[in-house]
Amino acid sequence: MIPWGYTLPAVAAMIVVVAFELAVLKTGLFRKLAYWLTMTIVTGFQIPVDGWLTKLSAPIVLYAPEHITGWRFPWDIPVEDFLFGYALVTAVLLLWERARPREAAR
C-alpha cells in the first residue's frame, strides 16, 4: 500500500469535488449561505459520532498508522475523515443543485 493510503485519496476527493464544481457544474454552491450552514450542521453531528468511533482510548474503527497523517482533532478524529465526509456531502449537494433546474423545467 502507498504511504498515507487514506490521506491521499481523501485530499484527492476534496480536490476533485471542488474542481468539478468550479470547472464543470458551476452551480455557485460555494457562494450560498445554505451550503455553509449545512456543512456546519454536518460537522456538528460528525464530531460526536466520529469521535466516539475513533477515540484512541477505546476505538471501534482502527486506522493503520502508516496510512494516515496522524493528525487528530477533536476527540481523536483523523483529519482525513473530515475530508472524505465533506467531499461526499458536497458532491451530493452539487449534484442536487445541478438537477434542480431540470426538475423545474418538467
Protein backbone atom coordinates (compact mmCIF):
# COMPACT_ATOMS: atom_id res chain seq x y z
CA MET A 1 0.00 0.00 0.00
CA ILE A 2 1.17 3.55 -0.63
CA PRO A 3 2.25 5.73 2.28
CA TRP A 4 -0.66 7.69 3.61
CA GLY A 5 -3.02 5.43 1.68
CA TYR A 6 -6.01 7.07 3.34
CA THR A 7 -4.74 10.65 3.30
CA LEU A 8 -4.00 10.92 -0.42
CA PRO A 9 -7.43 9.68 -1.55
CA ALA A 10 -9.12 11.98 0.99
CA VAL A 11 -7.25 15.03 -0.30
CA ALA A 12 -7.84 13.92 -3.90
CA ALA A 13 -11.57 13.54 -3.24
CA MET A 14 -11.81 17.12 -1.99
CA ILE A 15 -9.79 18.46 -4.92
CA VAL A 16 -11.86 16.55 -7.47
CA VAL A 17 -15.18 17.71 -5.98
CA VAL A 18 -14.10 21.36 -5.79
CA ALA A 19 -12.57 21.28 -9.28
CA PHE A 20 -15.69 19.63 -10.71
CA GLU A 21 -17.82 22.42 -9.26
CA LEU A 22 -15.55 25.22 -10.42
CA ALA A 23 -14.80 23.83 -13.90
CA VAL A 24 -17.88 21.84 -14.91
CA LEU A 25 -21.01 22.24 -12.80
CA LYS A 26 -20.68 25.92 -11.86
CA THR A 27 -23.73 25.84 -9.58
CA GLY A 28 -22.44 28.61 -7.30
CA LEU A 29 -23.00 26.38 -4.28
CA PHE A 30 -19.88 27.64 -2.50
CA ARG A 31 -21.31 31.18 -2.53
CA LYS A 32 -24.53 30.15 -0.78
CA LEU A 33 -25.01 30.62 2.94
CA ALA A 34 -27.20 27.50 2.99
CA TYR A 35 -24.20 25.38 1.92
CA TRP A 36 -22.01 26.68 4.74
CA LEU A 37 -24.82 26.24 7.27
CA THR A 38 -25.29 22.69 6.03
CA MET A 39 -21.59 21.96 6.45
CA THR A 40 -21.73 23.39 9.97
CA ILE A 41 -24.63 21.07 10.81
CA VAL A 42 -22.81 18.09 9.27
CA THR A 43 -19.73 18.90 11.35
CA GLY A 44 -21.88 19.22 14.46
CA PHE A 45 -23.10 15.66 14.00
CA GLN A 46 -19.85 14.23 12.65
CA ILE A 47 -17.76 15.25 15.65
CA PRO A 48 -19.60 13.29 18.36
CA VAL A 49 -20.25 10.24 16.16
CA ASP A 50 -16.82 10.05 14.56
CA GLY A 51 -15.19 10.95 17.87
CA TRP A 52 -16.92 8.01 19.55
CA LEU A 53 -15.94 5.65 16.71
CA THR A 54 -12.27 6.67 16.54
CA LYS A 55 -11.38 7.62 20.14
CA LEU A 56 -7.95 6.31 20.96
CA SER A 57 -9.00 5.14 24.42
CA ALA A 58 -11.42 2.52 23.03
CA PRO A 59 -11.57 2.67 19.23
CA ILE A 60 -14.26 0.92 17.25
CA VAL A 61 -12.63 1.92 13.95
CA LEU A 62 -8.87 1.47 13.65
CA TYR A 63 -6.61 3.10 11.07
CA ALA A 64 -3.22 1.76 10.02
CA PRO A 65 -0.87 4.50 11.27
CA GLU A 66 1.23 4.38 8.12
CA HIS A 67 -1.81 5.32 6.01
CA ILE A 68 -2.88 8.48 7.82
CA THR A 69 -1.10 11.68 8.81
CA GLY A 70 -1.70 11.04 12.49
CA TRP A 71 -3.30 14.46 12.90
CA ARG A 72 -6.40 14.01 15.03
CA PHE A 73 -8.78 16.76 16.06
CA PRO A 74 -11.05 16.98 18.03
CA TRP A 75 -11.55 13.88 20.18
CA ASP A 76 -9.04 11.79 18.26
CA ILE A 77 -10.82 12.12 14.88
CA PRO A 78 -8.38 11.68 11.98
CA VAL A 79 -8.49 14.80 9.81
CA GLU A 80 -8.88 12.54 6.77
CA ASP A 81 -12.37 11.59 7.98
CA PHE A 82 -13.46 15.21 7.68
CA LEU A 83 -12.07 15.47 4.15
CA PHE A 84 -13.90 12.37 2.95
CA GLY A 85 -17.10 13.43 4.71
CA TYR A 86 -17.02 16.94 3.27
CA ALA A 87 -16.24 15.64 -0.22
CA LEU A 88 -19.17 13.22 -0.05
CA VAL A 89 -21.70 15.72 1.27
CA THR A 90 -20.52 18.43 -1.12
CA ALA A 91 -20.69 16.08 -4.11
CA VAL A 92 -24.27 15.11 -3.27
CA LEU A 93 -25.30 18.75 -2.80
CA LEU A 94 -23.64 19.75 -6.07
CA LEU A 95 -25.47 17.04 -7.99
CA TRP A 96 -28.70 18.03 -6.29
CA GLU A 97 -28.18 21.66 -7.29
CA ARG A 98 -27.34 20.63 -10.83
CA ALA A 99 -30.51 18.51 -11.10
CA ARG A 100 -32.78 21.21 -9.69
CA PRO A 101 -33.31 23.23 -12.94
CA ARG A 102 -34.04 20.08 -14.90
CA GLU A 103 -36.80 19.11 -12.47
CA ALA A 104 -38.31 22.62 -12.59
CA ALA A 105 -38.44 22.51 -16.40
CA ARG A 106 -40.67 19.41 -16.42
